[in-house]
Amino acid sequence: MTVALDDPGLAARIRAREPSALEAVVHEYLPQIVRAARGAGLRREEAEDIAHATFVTFLEKADTFEGRSHVRTWLFGILFHKIMEVRRMIEREQRTDEIDELMESRFDANGSWSRPPSAEAKVFGREIRERTAECLEAAPPKQRLAFVFREVEGLETDEICKILDVTITNLGVMLYRIRNRLRECLESKGMTP
């Protein structure tokens, strides 16, 4: 029996764990979920593992799907949470963050420079700020604001979501896109790490 993914009764069929409905969802959206995971920067094997975990959660929680959103939206929400879980796990495994090491190497306990930057470093820093500003100007306004609120102002996710009137998932996508856009733009301007 063929299942139409735009069928108004799809949510009920998913909740009832009807095999043909579940199979249709997996068949239709598995390639998109893998592509999205790859787009989030995961290697092929990692993307496939995350996609697998996404569909395991989908199958485990199928009876709770109310159909208030499209099933694809629900799947991408699960994917986003799985990716965030992996990233949190990786962060936990790292004993110290690179930025912490950098800060400790450049500043003393009072927050003063251990070794003040040279004039050359100041010029280079100004050049980086100017190139970054140029790249930010070319970005879509909401992405630019999301980046500034998060990276410059240090606002919390919930606060940024309220300000920009976006969901947490949407904010994550915007930040991912702006960071990639900035990296590509800076690399095109010869600013490579």
N, C-alpha and C. Protein backbone atom coordinates (compact mmCIF):
# COMPACT_ATOMS: atom_id res chain seq x y z
N MET A 1 0.84 -1.18 0.00
CA MET A 1 0.00 0.00 0.00
C MET A 1 0.89 1.25 0.00
N THR A 2 0.67 2.12 -0.97
CA THR A 2 1.46 3.34 -1.10
C THR A 2 0.94 4.40 -0.14
N VAL A 3 1.87 5.12 0.47
CA VAL A 3 1.51 6.15 1.42
C VAL A 3 1.95 7.50 0.86
N ALA A 4 1.01 8.44 0.80
CA ALA A 4 1.32 9.80 0.35
C ALA A 4 1.77 10.60 1.57
N LEU A 5 2.90 11.27 1.42
CA LEU A 5 3.44 12.02 2.55
C LEU A 5 2.67 13.31 2.82
N ASP A 6 1.80 13.70 1.89
CA ASP A 6 0.95 14.87 2.12
C ASP A 6 -0.46 14.45 2.56
N ASP A 7 -0.65 13.18 2.85
CA ASP A 7 -1.93 12.65 3.32
C ASP A 7 -2.27 13.25 4.68
N PRO A 8 -3.44 13.87 4.83
CA PRO A 8 -3.82 14.46 6.12
C PRO A 8 -3.86 13.44 7.26
N GLY A 9 -4.02 12.18 6.92
CA GLY A 9 -4.07 11.14 7.94
C GLY A 9 -2.70 10.54 8.25
N LEU A 10 -1.64 11.12 7.69
CA LEU A 10 -0.30 10.55 7.88
C LEU A 10 0.11 10.54 9.35
N ALA A 11 -0.18 11.61 10.07
CA ALA A 11 0.22 11.67 11.48
C ALA A 11 -0.42 10.51 12.26
N ALA A 12 -1.68 10.25 12.01
CA ALA A 12 -2.36 9.15 12.70
C ALA A 12 -1.75 7.80 12.31
N ARG A 13 -1.37 7.67 11.06
CA ARG A 13 -0.76 6.42 10.60
C ARG A 13 0.62 6.23 11.22
N ILE A 14 1.35 7.34 11.39
CA ILE A 14 2.66 7.27 12.04
C ILE A 14 2.48 6.90 13.51
N ARG A 15 1.53 7.57 14.17
CA ARG A 15 1.28 7.26 15.60
C ARG A 15 0.88 5.80 15.79
N ALA A 16 0.14 5.27 14.82
CA ALA A 16 -0.29 3.87 14.89
C ALA A 16 0.83 2.91 14.48
N ARG A 17 1.98 3.48 14.12
CA ARG A 17 3.15 2.71 13.70
C ARG A 17 2.84 1.79 12.52
N GLU A 18 2.05 2.32 11.61
CA GLU A 18 1.71 1.55 10.42
C GLU A 18 2.99 1.36 9.60
N PRO A 19 3.39 0.12 9.36
CA PRO A 19 4.67 -0.14 8.68
C PRO A 19 4.84 0.61 7.35
N SER A 20 3.79 0.66 6.54
CA SER A 20 3.93 1.33 5.25
C SER A 20 4.16 2.83 5.41
N ALA A 21 3.55 3.46 6.42
CA ALA A 21 3.76 4.89 6.66
C ALA A 21 5.18 5.15 7.15
N LEU A 22 5.63 4.35 8.09
CA LEU A 22 6.99 4.51 8.62
C LEU A 22 8.02 4.28 7.52
N GLU A 23 7.79 3.24 6.72
CA GLU A 23 8.71 2.94 5.62
C GLU A 23 8.74 4.07 4.61
N ALA A 24 7.60 4.65 4.30
CA ALA A 24 7.54 5.75 3.34
C ALA A 24 8.32 6.97 3.85
N VAL A 25 8.20 7.28 5.13
CA VAL A 25 8.93 8.42 5.72
C VAL A 25 10.43 8.17 5.64
N VAL A 26 10.85 6.98 6.05
CA VAL A 26 12.28 6.67 6.02
C VAL A 26 12.80 6.71 4.59
N HIS A 27 12.09 6.09 3.68
CA HIS A 27 12.52 6.04 2.27
C HIS A 27 12.62 7.45 1.68
N GLU A 28 11.67 8.30 1.98
CA GLU A 28 11.64 9.65 1.40
C GLU A 28 12.70 10.57 2.00
N TYR A 29 12.89 10.50 3.30
CA TYR A 29 13.70 11.52 3.97
C TYR A 29 15.11 11.09 4.38
N LEU A 30 15.42 9.81 4.29
CA LEU A 30 16.77 9.38 4.65
C LEU A 30 17.85 10.11 3.85
N PRO A 31 17.73 10.21 2.52
CA PRO A 31 18.79 10.92 1.77
C PRO A 31 18.92 12.39 2.20
N GLN A 32 17.80 13.05 2.49
CA GLN A 32 17.85 14.45 2.91
C GLN A 32 18.52 14.60 4.27
N ILE A 33 18.24 13.68 5.18
CA ILE A 33 18.82 13.73 6.52
C ILE A 33 20.34 13.51 6.43
N VAL A 34 20.77 12.57 5.61
CA VAL A 34 22.21 12.32 5.45
C VAL A 34 22.87 13.56 4.84
N ARG A 35 22.25 14.14 3.81
CA ARG A 35 22.82 15.36 3.19
C ARG A 35 22.91 16.50 4.19
N ALA A 36 21.88 16.66 5.01
CA ALA A 36 21.89 17.73 6.01
C ALA A 36 23.00 17.50 7.03
N ALA A 37 23.19 16.26 7.44
CA ALA A 37 24.25 15.95 8.39
C ALA A 37 25.62 16.22 7.77
N ARG A 38 25.77 15.88 6.50
CA ARG A 38 27.02 16.19 5.80
C ARG A 38 27.20 17.70 5.71
N GLY A 39 26.10 18.41 5.45
CA GLY A 39 26.14 19.87 5.38
C GLY A 39 26.50 20.51 6.71
N ALA A 40 26.27 19.80 7.80
CA ALA A 40 26.62 20.30 9.13
C ALA A 40 28.09 20.06 9.43
N GLY A 41 28.81 19.49 8.45
CA GLY A 41 30.24 19.32 8.61
C GLY A 41 30.68 17.94 9.05
N LEU A 42 29.76 16.99 9.06
CA LEU A 42 30.12 15.64 9.47
C LEU A 42 30.67 14.85 8.28
N ARG A 43 31.62 13.97 8.57
CA ARG A 43 32.14 13.07 7.53
C ARG A 43 31.03 12.09 7.15
N ARG A 44 31.17 11.45 6.01
CA ARG A 44 30.13 10.54 5.50
C ARG A 44 29.72 9.52 6.56
N GLU A 45 30.67 8.85 7.17
CA GLU A 45 30.35 7.82 8.16
C GLU A 45 29.61 8.43 9.36
N GLU A 46 30.07 9.57 9.84
CA GLU A 46 29.41 10.24 10.97
C GLU A 46 27.99 10.66 10.58
N ALA A 47 27.84 11.17 9.36
CA ALA A 47 26.52 11.60 8.88
C ALA A 47 25.56 10.42 8.83
N GLU A 48 26.05 9.28 8.37
CA GLU A 48 25.19 8.10 8.31
C GLU A 48 24.81 7.62 9.70
N ASP A 49 25.77 7.69 10.64
CA ASP A 49 25.47 7.31 12.03
C ASP A 49 24.42 8.23 12.64
N ILE A 50 24.56 9.53 12.40
CA ILE A 50 23.59 10.50 12.93
C ILE A 50 22.23 10.29 12.29
N ALA A 51 22.21 10.01 10.99
CA ALA A 51 20.94 9.75 10.30
C ALA A 51 20.28 8.51 10.90
N HIS A 52 21.08 7.48 11.14
CA HIS A 52 20.56 6.26 11.76
C HIS A 52 19.95 6.59 13.12
N ALA A 53 20.68 7.34 13.94
CA ALA A 53 20.18 7.71 15.27
C ALA A 53 18.91 8.55 15.17
N THR A 54 18.85 9.40 14.15
CA THR A 54 17.65 10.23 13.94
C THR A 54 16.43 9.36 13.68
N PHE A 55 16.60 8.36 12.82
CA PHE A 55 15.46 7.51 12.49
C PHE A 55 15.13 6.52 13.61
N VAL A 56 16.11 6.14 14.41
CA VAL A 56 15.81 5.31 15.58
C VAL A 56 14.92 6.11 16.53
N THR A 57 15.28 7.37 16.77
CA THR A 57 14.46 8.22 17.63
C THR A 57 13.08 8.41 17.02
N PHE A 58 13.03 8.63 15.72
CA PHE A 58 11.74 8.78 15.02
C PHE A 58 10.86 7.55 15.28
N LEU A 59 11.44 6.38 15.13
CA LEU A 59 10.66 5.16 15.32
C LEU A 59 10.26 4.96 16.78
N GLU A 60 11.17 5.30 17.69
CA GLU A 60 10.86 5.18 19.12
C GLU A 60 9.75 6.14 19.54
N LYS A 61 9.72 7.32 18.95
CA LYS A 61 8.78 8.37 19.35
C LYS A 61 7.59 8.51 18.40
N ALA A 62 7.47 7.62 17.45
CA ALA A 62 6.41 7.74 16.44
C ALA A 62 5.03 7.91 17.05
N ASP A 63 4.78 7.24 18.15
CA ASP A 63 3.44 7.32 18.76
C ASP A 63 3.17 8.68 19.40
N THR A 64 4.19 9.54 19.48
CA THR A 64 3.97 10.88 20.06
C THR A 64 3.84 11.95 18.98
N PHE A 65 4.01 11.59 17.71
CA PHE A 65 3.93 12.57 16.62
C PHE A 65 2.49 13.04 16.46
N GLU A 66 2.29 14.33 16.72
CA GLU A 66 0.93 14.88 16.68
C GLU A 66 0.57 15.47 15.33
N GLY A 67 1.55 15.68 14.48
CA GLY A 67 1.26 16.22 13.16
C GLY A 67 1.11 17.73 13.14
N ARG A 68 1.50 18.42 14.24
CA ARG A 68 1.41 19.88 14.25
C ARG A 68 2.42 20.50 13.29
N SER A 69 3.47 19.77 12.99
CA SER A 69 4.43 20.20 11.99
C SER A 69 4.51 19.09 10.95
N HIS A 70 5.13 19.40 9.84
CA HIS A 70 5.34 18.40 8.80
C HIS A 70 6.30 17.35 9.35
N VAL A 71 6.17 16.12 8.95
CA VAL A 71 7.04 15.06 9.45
C VAL A 71 8.50 15.37 9.14
N ARG A 72 8.76 16.00 7.99
CA ARG A 72 10.12 16.38 7.63
C ARG A 72 10.70 17.37 8.65
N THR A 73 9.90 18.34 9.08
CA THR A 73 10.33 19.31 10.09
C THR A 73 10.67 18.60 11.38
N TRP A 74 9.85 17.65 11.76
CA TRP A 74 10.08 16.88 12.97
C TRP A 74 11.39 16.11 12.87
N LEU A 75 11.63 15.48 11.73
CA LEU A 75 12.86 14.72 11.53
C LEU A 75 14.09 15.63 11.60
N PHE A 76 14.01 16.80 10.97
CA PHE A 76 15.15 17.71 11.00
C PHE A 76 15.38 18.25 12.41
N GLY A 77 14.33 18.41 13.17
CA GLY A 77 14.48 18.80 14.57
C GLY A 77 15.22 17.73 15.36
N ILE A 78 14.86 16.47 15.11
CA ILE A 78 15.55 15.35 15.77
C ILE A 78 17.01 15.34 15.34
N LEU A 79 17.25 15.52 14.04
CA LEU A 79 18.62 15.56 13.51
C LEU A 79 19.43 16.66 14.19
N PHE A 80 18.85 17.85 14.29
CA PHE A 80 19.54 18.98 14.91
C PHE A 80 19.95 18.62 16.33
N HIS A 81 19.05 18.03 17.09
CA HIS A 81 19.35 17.65 18.47
C HIS A 81 20.43 16.57 18.52
N LYS A 82 20.41 15.65 17.59
CA LYS A 82 21.44 14.60 17.56
C LYS A 82 22.81 15.22 17.26
N ILE A 83 22.86 16.14 16.32
CA ILE A 83 24.12 16.81 15.99
C ILE A 83 24.62 17.59 17.20
N MET A 84 23.72 18.28 17.87
CA MET A 84 24.12 19.05 19.06
C MET A 84 24.63 18.12 20.17
N GLU A 85 24.00 16.95 20.32
CA GLU A 85 24.47 15.97 21.31
C GLU A 85 25.90 15.55 21.01
N VAL A 86 26.18 15.26 19.75
CA VAL A 86 27.52 14.85 19.34
C VAL A 86 28.52 15.97 19.61
N ARG A 87 28.15 17.18 19.27
CA ARG A 87 29.06 18.31 19.48
C ARG A 87 29.31 18.55 20.97
N ARG A 88 28.27 18.42 21.80
CA ARG A 88 28.46 18.58 23.25
C ARG A 88 29.38 17.48 23.79
N MET A 89 29.21 16.27 23.29
CA MET A 89 30.05 15.17 23.73
C MET A 89 31.51 15.42 23.36
N ILE A 90 31.75 15.89 22.17
CA ILE A 90 33.11 16.19 21.73
C ILE A 90 33.70 17.30 22.59
N GLU A 91 32.91 18.32 22.87
CA GLU A 91 33.40 19.41 23.71
C GLU A 91 33.75 18.93 25.11
N ARG A 92 32.94 18.03 25.66
CA ARG A 92 33.20 17.50 26.99
C ARG A 92 34.49 16.69 27.02
N GLU A 93 34.76 15.98 25.92
CA GLU A 93 35.95 15.14 25.85
C GLU A 93 37.23 15.97 25.78
N GLN A 94 37.13 17.16 25.30
CA GLN A 94 38.30 18.02 25.25
C GLN A 94 38.51 18.62 26.63
N ARG A 95 39.67 18.36 27.22
CA ARG A 95 39.92 18.83 28.58
C ARG A 95 39.95 20.34 28.66
N THR A 96 40.61 20.97 27.76
CA THR A 96 40.66 22.43 27.77
C THR A 96 40.36 22.94 26.37
N ASP A 97 39.74 24.05 26.33
CA ASP A 97 39.39 24.67 25.07
C ASP A 97 40.58 25.46 24.55
N GLU A 98 40.76 25.49 23.24
CA GLU A 98 41.86 26.22 22.64
C GLU A 98 41.84 27.69 23.05
N ILE A 99 40.68 28.29 23.12
CA ILE A 99 40.60 29.71 23.47
C ILE A 99 41.06 29.93 24.91
N ASP A 100 40.76 28.98 25.80
CA ASP A 100 41.23 29.09 27.18
C ASP A 100 42.75 29.07 27.24
N GLU A 101 43.34 28.16 26.47
CA GLU A 101 44.80 28.10 26.42
C GLU A 101 45.38 29.39 25.86
N LEU A 102 44.76 29.91 24.83
CA LEU A 102 45.22 31.16 24.23
C LEU A 102 45.13 32.30 25.24
N MET A 103 44.00 32.39 25.92
CA MET A 103 43.82 33.46 26.90
C MET A 103 44.84 33.34 28.03
N GLU A 104 45.05 32.13 28.52
CA GLU A 104 46.02 31.93 29.60
C GLU A 104 47.43 32.27 29.16
N SER A 105 47.75 32.02 27.89
CA SER A 105 49.10 32.31 27.41
C SER A 105 49.33 33.79 27.16
N ARG A 106 48.28 34.56 26.95
CA ARG A 106 48.44 35.97 26.62
C ARG A 106 48.12 36.94 27.75
N PHE A 107 47.35 36.49 28.74
CA PHE A 107 46.93 37.39 29.82
C PHE A 107 47.32 36.81 31.18
N ASP A 108 47.59 37.70 32.14
CA ASP A 108 47.89 37.24 33.50
C ASP A 108 46.59 37.12 34.29
N ALA A 109 46.69 36.76 35.55
CA ALA A 109 45.51 36.52 36.39
C ALA A 109 44.65 37.76 36.56
N ASN A 110 45.24 38.95 36.39
CA ASN A 110 44.47 40.20 36.52
C ASN A 110 43.84 40.65 35.20
N GLY A 111 44.07 39.91 34.12
CA GLY A 111 43.50 40.27 32.83
C GLY A 111 44.38 41.21 32.03
N SER A 112 45.60 41.44 32.49
CA SER A 112 46.53 42.30 31.75
C SER A 112 47.36 41.45 30.80
N TRP A 113 47.83 42.09 29.72
CA TRP A 113 48.67 41.40 28.75
C TRP A 113 49.93 40.88 29.43
N SER A 114 50.26 39.61 29.20
CA SER A 114 51.55 39.08 29.64
C SER A 114 52.64 39.68 28.77
N ARG A 115 52.41 39.68 27.49
CA ARG A 115 53.30 40.31 26.51
C ARG A 115 52.39 41.11 25.58
N PRO A 116 52.43 42.43 25.68
CA PRO A 116 51.57 43.24 24.81
C PRO A 116 51.84 42.94 23.34
N PRO A 117 50.79 42.98 22.51
CA PRO A 117 50.97 42.69 21.09
C PRO A 117 51.84 43.75 20.42
N SER A 118 52.54 43.32 19.40
CA SER A 118 53.40 44.24 18.66
C SER A 118 52.55 45.10 17.73
N ALA A 119 53.19 46.12 17.17
CA ALA A 119 52.48 46.99 16.21
C ALA A 119 52.02 46.17 15.02
N GLU A 120 52.84 45.20 14.61
CA GLU A 120 52.47 44.34 13.49
C GLU A 120 51.19 43.57 13.80
N ALA A 121 51.10 43.05 15.02
CA ALA A 121 49.90 42.30 15.43
C ALA A 121 48.69 43.22 15.46
N LYS A 122 48.88 44.46 15.89
CA LYS A 122 47.76 45.42 15.92
C LYS A 122 47.27 45.70 14.51
N VAL A 123 48.20 45.89 13.58
CA VAL A 123 47.82 46.14 12.18
C VAL A 123 47.09 44.92 11.62
N PHE A 124 47.63 43.72 11.88
CA PHE A 124 47.00 42.50 11.39
C PHE A 124 45.61 42.34 12.00
N GLY A 125 45.49 42.61 13.31
CA GLY A 125 44.19 42.53 13.97
C GLY A 125 43.18 43.49 13.37
N ARG A 126 43.62 44.70 13.07
CA ARG A 126 42.74 45.68 12.43
C ARG A 126 42.32 45.19 11.04
N GLU A 127 43.26 44.59 10.30
CA GLU A 127 42.96 44.08 8.98
C GLU A 127 41.92 42.96 9.07
N ILE A 128 42.08 42.08 10.05
CA ILE A 128 41.10 41.00 10.24
C ILE A 128 39.72 41.58 10.57
N ARG A 129 39.68 42.57 11.47
CA ARG A 129 38.40 43.19 11.82
C ARG A 129 37.75 43.83 10.59
N GLU A 130 38.56 44.52 9.78
CA GLU A 130 38.01 45.17 8.58
C GLU A 130 37.48 44.15 7.59
N ARG A 131 38.25 43.08 7.36
CA ARG A 131 37.79 42.04 6.42
C ARG A 131 36.54 41.33 6.95
N THR A 132 36.52 41.08 8.25
CA THR A 132 35.34 40.45 8.86
C THR A 132 34.12 41.35 8.71
N ALA A 133 34.29 42.64 8.94
CA ALA A 133 33.19 43.59 8.79
C ALA A 133 32.69 43.60 7.35
N GLU A 134 33.61 43.56 6.38
CA GLU A 134 33.21 43.52 4.97
C GLU A 134 32.40 42.26 4.67
N CYS A 135 32.87 41.15 5.19
CA CYS A 135 32.16 39.88 4.97
C CYS A 135 30.79 39.89 5.64
N LEU A 136 30.71 40.46 6.83
CA LEU A 136 29.43 40.52 7.54
C LEU A 136 28.43 41.41 6.80
N GLU A 137 28.91 42.48 6.18
CA GLU A 137 28.01 43.37 5.45
C GLU A 137 27.30 42.66 4.32
N ALA A 138 27.95 41.66 3.73
CA ALA A 138 27.36 40.94 2.61
C ALA A 138 26.39 39.85 3.06
N ALA A 139 26.34 39.57 4.34
CA ALA A 139 25.49 38.49 4.86
C ALA A 139 24.04 38.97 5.01
N PRO A 140 23.09 38.03 4.95
CA PRO A 140 21.69 38.39 5.20
C PRO A 140 21.56 38.99 6.61
N PRO A 141 20.69 39.98 6.77
CA PRO A 141 20.58 40.71 8.04
C PRO A 141 20.34 39.84 9.27
N LYS A 142 19.44 38.87 9.19
CA LYS A 142 19.16 38.04 10.37
C LYS A 142 20.36 37.19 10.75
N GLN A 143 21.06 36.65 9.74
CA GLN A 143 22.26 35.86 10.03
C GLN A 143 23.32 36.74 10.67
N ARG A 144 23.50 37.93 10.13
CA ARG A 144 24.50 38.87 10.65
C ARG A 144 24.18 39.21 12.10
N LEU A 145 22.91 39.50 12.38
CA LEU A 145 22.51 39.83 13.74
C LEU A 145 22.70 38.64 14.68
N ALA A 146 22.34 37.46 14.21
CA ALA A 146 22.52 36.26 15.04
C ALA A 146 24.00 36.11 15.42
N PHE A 147 24.88 36.31 14.45
CA PHE A 147 26.32 36.19 14.70
C PHE A 147 26.78 37.26 15.70
N VAL A 148 26.37 38.48 15.48
CA VAL A 148 26.80 39.57 16.36
C VAL A 148 26.26 39.37 17.77
N PHE A 149 24.99 38.98 17.88
CA PHE A 149 24.41 38.76 19.21
C PHE A 149 25.15 37.64 19.94
N ARG A 150 25.48 36.57 19.23
CA ARG A 150 26.12 35.41 19.86
C ARG A 150 27.60 35.66 20.09
N GLU A 151 28.33 36.02 19.05
CA GLU A 151 29.79 36.06 19.13
C GLU A 151 30.35 37.38 19.68
N VAL A 152 29.68 38.47 19.41
CA VAL A 152 30.18 39.76 19.87
C VAL A 152 29.56 40.14 21.21
N GLU A 153 28.25 40.03 21.28
CA GLU A 153 27.54 40.44 22.49
C GLU A 153 27.44 39.34 23.55
N GLY A 154 27.63 38.08 23.13
CA GLY A 154 27.59 36.97 24.07
C GLY A 154 26.21 36.66 24.63
N LEU A 155 25.16 36.99 23.86
CA LEU A 155 23.79 36.72 24.33
C LEU A 155 23.51 35.22 24.35
N GLU A 156 22.60 34.82 25.21
CA GLU A 156 22.19 33.43 25.31
C GLU A 156 21.23 33.08 24.17
N THR A 157 21.15 31.81 23.86
CA THR A 157 20.32 31.32 22.76
C THR A 157 18.87 31.77 22.89
N ASP A 158 18.28 31.57 24.06
CA ASP A 158 16.86 31.93 24.25
C ASP A 158 16.62 33.41 23.99
N GLU A 159 17.53 34.25 24.45
CA GLU A 159 17.38 35.69 24.26
C GLU A 159 17.48 36.05 22.78
N ILE A 160 18.43 35.45 22.07
CA ILE A 160 18.58 35.72 20.64
C ILE A 160 17.32 35.27 19.90
N CYS A 161 16.80 34.09 20.26
CA CYS A 161 15.59 33.58 19.60
C CYS A 161 14.42 34.54 19.79
N LYS A 162 14.28 35.09 20.98
CA LYS A 162 13.20 36.04 21.23
C LYS A 162 13.40 37.32 20.43
N ILE A 163 14.63 37.82 20.41
CA ILE A 163 14.92 39.06 19.69
C ILE A 163 14.64 38.90 18.19
N LEU A 164 15.14 37.81 17.61
CA LEU A 164 15.00 37.60 16.16
C LEU A 164 13.70 36.90 15.77
N ASP A 165 12.92 36.47 16.78
CA ASP A 165 11.68 35.75 16.55
C ASP A 165 11.91 34.50 15.70
N VAL A 166 12.86 33.67 16.15
CA VAL A 166 13.17 32.42 15.47
C VAL A 166 13.21 31.30 16.50
N THR A 167 13.14 30.09 16.00
CA THR A 167 13.25 28.93 16.89
C THR A 167 14.73 28.65 17.17
N ILE A 168 14.98 27.82 18.14
CA ILE A 168 16.35 27.43 18.46
C ILE A 168 16.98 26.72 17.27
N THR A 169 16.22 25.85 16.63
CA THR A 169 16.73 25.13 15.46
C THR A 169 17.09 26.12 14.36
N ASN A 170 16.22 27.08 14.12
CA ASN A 170 16.47 28.07 13.08
C ASN A 170 17.71 28.90 13.41
N LEU A 171 17.86 29.27 14.67
CA LEU A 171 19.04 30.03 15.07
C LEU A 171 20.30 29.21 14.82
N GLY A 172 20.27 27.93 15.16
CA GLY A 172 21.42 27.07 14.91
C GLY A 172 21.79 27.03 13.44
N VAL A 173 20.79 26.94 12.59
CA VAL A 173 21.02 26.94 11.14
C VAL A 173 21.62 28.27 10.70
N MET A 174 21.06 29.37 11.20
CA MET A 174 21.57 30.70 10.82
C MET A 174 23.03 30.86 11.25
N LEU A 175 23.35 30.46 12.47
CA LEU A 175 24.72 30.59 12.95
C LEU A 175 25.67 29.70 12.15
N TYR A 176 25.23 28.51 11.83
CA TYR A 176 26.05 27.61 11.02
C TYR A 176 26.32 28.26 9.65
N ARG A 177 25.28 28.81 9.04
CA ARG A 177 25.44 29.42 7.72
C ARG A 177 26.34 30.65 7.75
N ILE A 178 26.16 31.51 8.74
CA ILE A 178 26.96 32.73 8.78
C ILE A 178 28.42 32.40 9.06
N ARG A 179 28.66 31.42 9.92
CA ARG A 179 30.05 31.04 10.20
C ARG A 179 30.72 30.48 8.94
N ASN A 180 30.01 29.64 8.21
CA ASN A 180 30.56 29.11 6.95
C ASN A 180 30.78 30.24 5.95
N ARG A 181 29.81 31.15 5.86
CA ARG A 181 29.92 32.28 4.94
C ARG A 181 31.15 33.13 5.30
N LEU A 182 31.33 33.40 6.58
CA LEU A 182 32.48 34.19 7.03
C LEU A 182 33.80 33.49 6.71
N ARG A 183 33.84 32.19 7.01
CA ARG A 183 35.07 31.44 6.74
C ARG A 183 35.41 31.49 5.25
N GLU A 184 34.42 31.23 4.40
CA GLU A 184 34.66 31.25 2.96
C GLU A 184 35.06 32.64 2.48
N CYS A 185 34.39 33.65 2.99
CA CYS A 185 34.69 35.02 2.59
C CYS A 185 36.10 35.41 3.01
N LEU A 186 36.46 35.12 4.25
CA LEU A 186 37.80 35.47 4.74
C LEU A 186 38.88 34.70 3.98
N GLU A 187 38.60 33.44 3.68
CA GLU A 187 39.57 32.66 2.90
C GLU A 187 39.73 33.26 1.51
N SER A 188 38.64 33.72 0.92
CA SER A 188 38.73 34.33 -0.42
C SER A 188 39.51 35.65 -0.40
N LYS A 189 39.61 36.25 0.78
CA LYS A 189 40.37 37.49 0.94
C LYS A 189 41.80 37.22 1.41
N GLY A 190 42.18 35.93 1.41
CA GLY A 190 43.54 35.56 1.77
C GLY A 190 43.79 35.43 3.25
N MET A 191 42.73 35.42 4.06
CA MET A 191 42.87 35.30 5.51
C MET A 191 42.63 33.84 5.89
N THR A 192 43.70 33.05 5.86
CA THR A 192 43.56 31.64 6.21
C THR A 192 44.21 31.38 7.56
N PRO A 193 43.64 30.42 8.30
CA PRO A 193 44.18 30.10 9.62
C PRO A 193 45.56 29.47 9.54
